[in-house]
Amino acid sequence: MFDRRDGTHMRSVMKRASVRILALLCLCATIIAPPSTRVSAGAVTQTAADVQKLDATDVQRLDAATAFVRERNARDYAIAPDGINEGRYVMIGGIEQWITIRGEDRRNPVLLFLHGGPGDATNPWGYAAFRSWLKAFTVVQWDQRGAGRTLGKSGPSVAATITIDRLTQDGIELAETLRRILQKDKIILVGHSWGSILGVFMAKARPDLFSAFVGTGQVADPQRNYEVAYHALLEKATRLESRAPSASSKTLDLRRTPMAVDTPYNAGGRICSRAPISLSRPWSASHSMLPTTDRTISTTGSTARC
């Protein structure tokens, strides 16, 4: 039985971690594109001779900053001798899939984190975001089929197998593996966004494997979510049309593509995004930077973009 006090502590840890995740993302954005060095469209045509060279002082500052970050990381991310810090491929669903296992005390509960997306692996940036969790839990991050190092290992040939049923079975196989290698009767399951959908399927299929399921950014009714967002965006686009002529074409695009029946996460058993979604999301962000492809599949009499 999952201790209620453990649940209260877990919620507290997660609340603090969410703030750290936001701070980490802001820091990454600052490091990647500081205002003084942002590249404009015109700068792309610069030659090597046009690029400003670093002088000795700049190099010294960069070396000092690098040394500081390395020293801090070695200190803050170090795991105690009684803990666990592993990264490995495990055979799941017929392919090798990447997991990391980190925690300060092997006796702590095991927590399997299901990332969002699909395809948005947390392993590349999760060390800092989940650092505070490691005192209370042994945290397992998993690059799901088609994501992160798992995709790098398998290649795109697994695309046809990326279905909700297959990912659910992958997750169950991983949970069983973790129970065995970490010697736990049950594990805690945490899913974010798309991971909250996957977590529901996993917990429903095998409740005996899990002591608790926690959904963050929980998706409950994606079809209704997108219907509401679509119509709200269309209404706003219509209001702005007269004031912003550039919005007219996007407004027409939104009108031209009625909201679909299939959900963006489950069209005929495949994980797909509907064309209206691909229009609504970039419009709401005031740009069209989100990529889509032209490959289509037939799903119960309709067409979905994947």
Protein backbone atom coordinates (compact mmCIF):
# COMPACT_ATOMS: atom_id res chain seq x y z
CA MET A 1 0.00 0.00 0.00
CA PHE A 2 1.31 3.43 -0.92
CA ASP A 3 1.89 5.56 2.20
CA ARG A 4 -0.17 8.78 2.16
CA ARG A 5 2.77 10.66 3.66
CA ASP A 6 4.93 9.52 0.74
CA GLY A 7 2.33 10.91 -1.64
CA THR A 8 2.32 14.29 0.12
CA HIS A 9 6.10 14.45 0.02
CA MET A 10 6.13 13.45 -3.65
CA ARG A 11 3.72 16.26 -4.56
CA SER A 12 5.92 18.73 -2.69
CA VAL A 13 9.03 17.54 -4.50
CA MET A 14 7.29 17.71 -7.88
CA LYS A 15 6.03 21.24 -7.23
CA ARG A 16 9.55 22.44 -6.50
CA ALA A 17 10.90 20.55 -9.51
CA SER A 18 8.40 22.22 -11.87
CA VAL A 19 9.81 25.61 -10.90
CA ARG A 20 13.33 24.31 -11.51
CA ILE A 21 12.33 22.97 -14.92
CA LEU A 22 11.00 26.41 -15.94
CA ALA A 23 14.16 28.08 -14.66
CA LEU A 24 16.29 25.56 -16.56
CA LEU A 25 14.45 26.20 -19.82
CA CYS A 26 14.87 29.96 -19.40
CA LEU A 27 18.58 29.48 -18.70
CA CYS A 28 18.99 27.31 -21.79
CA ALA A 29 17.26 29.94 -23.94
CA THR A 30 19.54 32.62 -22.51
CA ILE A 31 22.68 30.59 -23.14
CA ILE A 32 21.70 29.53 -26.64
CA ALA A 33 20.56 32.93 -27.90
CA PRO A 34 21.80 35.87 -25.81
CA PRO A 35 20.51 39.23 -27.11
CA SER A 36 23.96 40.44 -28.10
CA THR A 37 24.62 37.46 -30.37
CA ARG A 38 21.26 36.59 -31.91
CA VAL A 39 21.58 35.88 -35.62
CA SER A 40 19.36 37.93 -37.89
CA ALA A 41 18.20 36.81 -41.31
CA GLY A 42 20.81 39.04 -42.89
CA ALA A 43 23.62 37.60 -40.81
CA VAL A 44 23.22 34.17 -42.36
CA THR A 45 25.05 35.36 -45.48
CA GLN A 46 28.15 36.43 -43.54
CA THR A 47 31.46 34.92 -44.56
CA ALA A 48 34.02 33.51 -42.14
CA ALA A 49 36.04 36.71 -42.45
CA ASP A 50 33.04 38.74 -41.27
CA VAL A 51 32.64 36.79 -38.03
CA GLN A 52 34.09 38.56 -35.01
CA LYS A 53 36.96 36.59 -33.46
CA LEU A 54 37.27 35.97 -29.71
CA ASP A 55 40.15 37.80 -28.10
CA ALA A 56 42.26 36.44 -25.22
CA THR A 57 39.99 38.00 -22.60
CA ASP A 58 36.91 36.37 -24.12
CA VAL A 59 38.64 32.99 -24.17
CA GLN A 60 39.65 33.36 -20.51
CA ARG A 61 36.09 34.20 -19.53
CA LEU A 62 34.76 31.24 -21.49
CA ASP A 63 37.29 28.90 -19.89
CA ALA A 64 36.41 30.22 -16.43
CA ALA A 65 32.69 29.77 -17.05
CA THR A 66 33.23 26.26 -18.39
CA ALA A 67 35.34 25.31 -15.38
CA PHE A 68 32.70 26.72 -13.03
CA VAL A 69 29.88 24.75 -14.69
CA ARG A 70 31.88 21.51 -14.66
CA GLU A 71 32.80 21.94 -11.00
CA ARG A 72 29.23 22.75 -10.07
CA ASN A 73 27.85 19.79 -12.03
CA ALA A 74 30.37 17.41 -10.47
CA ARG A 75 29.31 18.64 -7.05
CA ASP A 76 25.54 18.99 -7.49
CA TYR A 77 24.90 15.91 -9.63
CA ALA A 78 27.20 13.52 -7.77
CA ILE A 79 25.49 10.41 -6.44
CA ALA A 80 26.36 8.98 -3.02
CA PRO A 81 28.05 5.53 -2.82
CA ASP A 82 24.78 4.00 -1.60
CA GLY A 83 22.95 5.38 -4.60
CA ILE A 84 22.62 4.35 -8.22
CA ASN A 85 23.65 6.16 -11.41
CA GLU A 86 23.30 4.06 -14.56
CA GLY A 87 22.50 4.48 -18.21
CA ARG A 88 21.90 1.46 -20.41
CA TYR A 89 20.00 -0.06 -23.28
CA VAL A 90 17.45 -2.71 -22.36
CA MET A 91 15.63 -5.03 -24.74
CA ILE A 92 11.98 -3.96 -24.79
CA GLY A 93 9.44 -4.92 -27.40
CA GLY A 94 12.07 -6.48 -29.63
CA ILE A 95 14.35 -3.40 -29.82
CA GLU A 96 16.98 -1.86 -27.58
CA GLN A 97 15.60 1.12 -25.65
CA TRP A 98 17.55 3.63 -23.57
CA ILE A 99 16.93 4.23 -19.86
CA THR A 100 18.75 6.08 -17.10
CA ILE A 101 18.42 5.14 -13.42
CA ARG A 102 19.52 7.68 -10.79
CA GLY A 103 18.92 8.02 -7.07
CA GLU A 104 20.76 8.65 -3.82
CA ASP A 105 19.49 5.61 -1.97
CA ARG A 106 18.62 2.26 -3.55
CA ARG A 107 16.08 1.69 -0.78
CA ASN A 108 13.91 4.58 -2.03
CA PRO A 109 10.77 3.96 -4.11
CA VAL A 110 11.36 3.61 -7.85
CA LEU A 111 9.68 6.27 -10.01
CA LEU A 112 9.31 5.73 -13.76
CA PHE A 113 8.85 9.03 -15.62
CA LEU A 114 6.97 8.94 -18.95
CA HIS A 115 7.94 11.89 -21.14
CA GLY A 116 5.61 13.83 -23.38
CA GLY A 117 5.48 14.33 -27.12
CA PRO A 118 5.28 11.69 -28.35
CA GLY A 119 9.00 11.95 -29.00
CA ASP A 120 10.00 14.59 -26.42
CA ALA A 121 12.63 12.65 -24.46
CA THR A 122 13.61 14.25 -21.14
CA ASN A 123 16.96 12.49 -20.72
CA PRO A 124 18.98 15.21 -22.52
CA TRP A 125 18.01 17.87 -19.96
CA GLY A 126 16.55 15.88 -17.07
CA TYR A 127 19.64 15.73 -14.86
CA ALA A 128 19.09 19.23 -13.51
CA ALA A 129 15.30 19.15 -13.55
CA PHE A 130 15.02 15.93 -11.56
CA ARG A 131 17.99 16.47 -9.26
CA SER A 132 15.90 17.27 -6.17
CA TRP A 133 13.76 14.15 -6.73
CA LEU A 134 16.75 11.85 -6.29
CA LYS A 135 16.77 12.26 -2.51
CA ALA A 136 13.32 10.68 -2.23
CA PHE A 137 13.10 8.46 -5.31
CA THR A 138 15.13 6.35 -7.67
CA VAL A 139 14.14 8.10 -10.91
CA VAL A 140 14.03 6.18 -14.17
CA GLN A 141 13.86 8.14 -17.41
CA TRP A 142 13.00 6.25 -20.57
CA ASP A 143 13.56 7.30 -24.18
CA GLN A 144 10.39 5.80 -25.62
CA ARG A 145 10.22 3.98 -28.95
CA GLY A 146 10.89 6.59 -31.65
CA ALA A 147 12.56 9.09 -29.29
CA GLY A 148 16.04 10.07 -28.10
CA ARG A 149 18.76 7.46 -27.97
CA THR A 150 16.21 4.71 -28.60
CA LEU A 151 15.51 6.23 -32.01
CA GLY A 152 19.24 6.68 -32.59
CA LYS A 153 19.75 2.97 -31.93
CA SER A 154 16.79 1.59 -33.87
CA GLY A 155 16.60 4.11 -36.69
CA PRO A 156 13.38 5.09 -38.48
CA SER A 157 12.54 1.52 -39.46
CA VAL A 158 10.40 1.19 -36.29
CA ALA A 159 7.99 3.93 -37.42
CA ALA A 160 5.27 1.45 -38.39
CA THR A 161 5.34 -0.03 -34.87
CA ILE A 162 4.78 3.26 -33.04
CA THR A 163 1.23 2.73 -31.85
CA ILE A 164 -0.42 3.34 -28.51
CA ASP A 165 -0.83 -0.40 -27.93
CA ARG A 166 2.85 -1.06 -28.68
CA LEU A 167 4.08 1.79 -26.45
CA THR A 168 1.80 0.62 -23.66
CA GLN A 169 3.25 -2.86 -23.90
CA ASP A 170 6.77 -1.40 -24.01
CA GLY A 171 6.05 0.48 -20.79
CA ILE A 172 4.69 -2.60 -19.08
CA GLU A 173 7.74 -4.64 -20.10
CA LEU A 174 10.00 -1.90 -18.75
CA ALA A 175 8.09 -1.77 -15.45
CA GLU A 176 8.50 -5.53 -15.06
CA THR A 177 12.23 -5.22 -15.83
CA LEU A 178 12.66 -2.44 -13.27
CA ARG A 179 10.88 -4.45 -10.61
CA ARG A 180 13.26 -7.31 -11.23
CA ILE A 181 16.59 -5.48 -11.45
CA LEU A 182 15.81 -2.98 -8.65
CA GLN A 183 14.08 -5.58 -6.49
CA LYS A 184 10.83 -3.71 -5.91
CA ASP A 185 7.32 -5.12 -5.66
CA LYS A 186 5.76 -2.05 -7.25
CA ILE A 187 6.90 1.22 -8.80
CA ILE A 188 5.47 4.74 -9.01
CA LEU A 189 4.37 5.88 -12.46
CA VAL A 190 4.50 9.58 -13.42
CA GLY A 191 3.38 10.73 -16.87
CA HIS A 192 3.52 14.21 -18.37
CA SER A 193 1.32 15.40 -21.27
CA TRP A 194 1.45 12.54 -23.83
CA GLY A 195 3.04 10.50 -21.03
CA SER A 196 -0.12 11.03 -18.96
CA ILE A 197 -2.09 9.23 -21.67
CA LEU A 198 0.43 6.42 -21.88
CA GLY A 199 0.46 6.15 -18.08
CA VAL A 200 -3.31 5.71 -17.92
CA PHE A 201 -3.15 2.85 -20.43
CA MET A 202 -0.28 1.21 -18.55
CA ALA A 203 -1.93 1.52 -15.13
CA LYS A 204 -5.24 0.28 -16.49
CA ALA A 205 -3.64 -2.74 -18.17
CA ARG A 206 -1.44 -3.76 -15.22
CA PRO A 207 -2.46 -2.07 -11.95
CA ASP A 208 -0.57 -4.75 -10.04
CA LEU A 209 2.75 -3.23 -11.18
CA PHE A 210 2.22 0.25 -9.76
CA SER A 211 1.80 1.70 -6.28
CA ALA A 212 0.60 5.03 -7.69
CA PHE A 213 0.03 6.89 -10.95
CA VAL A 214 0.54 10.67 -11.11
CA GLY A 215 -0.47 12.61 -14.23
CA THR A 216 1.00 16.07 -14.86
CA GLY A 217 -0.40 18.12 -17.71
CA GLN A 218 -2.97 15.35 -17.68
CA VAL A 219 -4.78 14.83 -20.97
CA ALA A 220 -8.36 13.81 -20.24
CA ASP A 221 -10.38 14.56 -23.39
CA PRO A 222 -8.02 15.67 -26.18
CA GLN A 223 -10.80 15.88 -28.76
CA ARG A 224 -12.76 18.32 -26.62
CA ASN A 225 -9.59 20.26 -25.76
CA TYR A 226 -8.76 20.85 -29.41
CA GLU A 227 -12.34 21.63 -30.37
CA VAL A 228 -12.50 24.38 -27.76
CA ALA A 229 -9.06 25.72 -28.71
CA TYR A 230 -9.87 25.60 -32.43
CA HIS A 231 -13.10 27.57 -32.17
CA ALA A 232 -11.57 30.07 -29.73
CA LEU A 233 -8.69 30.67 -32.15
CA LEU A 234 -11.04 31.06 -35.10
CA GLU A 235 -13.10 33.61 -33.16
CA LYS A 236 -9.98 35.57 -32.22
CA ALA A 237 -8.63 35.40 -35.78
CA THR A 238 -11.88 36.84 -37.09
CA ARG A 239 -11.70 39.73 -34.61
CA LEU A 240 -8.10 40.52 -35.55
CA GLU A 241 -8.63 40.16 -39.27
CA SER A 242 -9.62 43.75 -39.89
CA ARG A 243 -6.73 45.11 -37.81
CA ALA A 244 -4.02 42.74 -39.05
CA PRO A 245 -4.28 41.93 -42.77
CA SER A 246 -1.49 39.37 -42.44
CA ALA A 247 -3.82 37.27 -40.30
CA SER A 248 -6.35 36.90 -43.11
CA SER A 249 -4.68 33.96 -44.85
CA LYS A 250 -4.28 32.07 -41.59
CA THR A 251 -7.90 32.78 -40.69
CA LEU A 252 -8.98 31.37 -44.04
CA ASP A 253 -6.77 28.33 -43.48
CA LEU A 254 -8.48 27.74 -40.15
CA ARG A 255 -11.93 28.11 -41.69
CA ARG A 256 -11.05 25.90 -44.63
CA THR A 257 -10.19 22.93 -42.42
CA PRO A 258 -13.07 21.92 -40.12
CA MET A 259 -12.27 20.30 -36.81
CA ALA A 260 -11.85 16.57 -37.24
CA VAL A 261 -13.45 13.69 -35.38
CA ASP A 262 -10.30 11.73 -34.54
CA THR A 263 -8.19 12.79 -31.59
CA PRO A 264 -4.64 13.96 -32.27
CA TYR A 265 -3.24 11.08 -30.21
CA ASN A 266 -5.22 8.15 -31.52
CA ALA A 267 -6.27 8.01 -35.17
CA GLY A 268 -6.95 4.45 -36.13
CA GLY A 269 -4.56 3.23 -33.45
CA ARG A 270 -1.68 5.38 -34.72
CA ILE A 271 -0.22 8.44 -33.03
CA CYS A 272 -1.06 11.28 -35.39
CA SER A 273 -1.79 15.01 -35.51
CA ARG A 274 -4.78 16.30 -37.38
CA ALA A 275 -4.31 18.98 -40.03
CA PRO A 276 -6.49 21.48 -38.07
CA ILE A 277 -4.21 21.00 -35.09
CA SER A 278 -1.13 21.76 -37.18
CA LEU A 279 -2.83 25.00 -38.25
CA SER A 280 -4.20 25.98 -34.85
CA ARG A 281 -1.01 25.53 -32.86
CA PRO A 282 1.28 27.75 -34.97
CA TRP A 283 -1.46 30.34 -35.42
CA SER A 284 -1.88 30.61 -31.67
CA ALA A 285 1.87 31.19 -31.36
CA SER A 286 1.69 33.88 -34.09
CA HIS A 287 4.00 31.99 -36.44
CA SER A 288 4.12 28.82 -38.53
CA MET A 289 7.39 27.31 -37.34
CA LEU A 290 6.00 23.94 -36.27
CA PRO A 291 6.89 21.41 -38.99
CA THR A 292 4.44 19.02 -40.57
CA THR A 293 4.90 16.41 -43.27
CA ASP A 294 2.82 15.50 -46.27
CA ARG A 295 2.60 11.77 -45.57
CA THR A 296 -1.01 10.76 -44.93
CA ILE A 297 -2.75 7.63 -43.75
CA SER A 298 -6.36 6.55 -44.01
CA THR A 299 -8.15 6.33 -40.67
CA THR A 300 -11.74 5.11 -40.61
CA GLY A 301 -12.75 7.05 -43.66
CA SER A 302 -10.78 10.23 -42.88
CA THR A 303 -7.26 11.43 -43.53
CA ALA A 304 -4.75 12.32 -40.82
CA ARG A 305 -1.32 13.89 -41.13
CA CYS A 306 1.43 12.06 -39.23
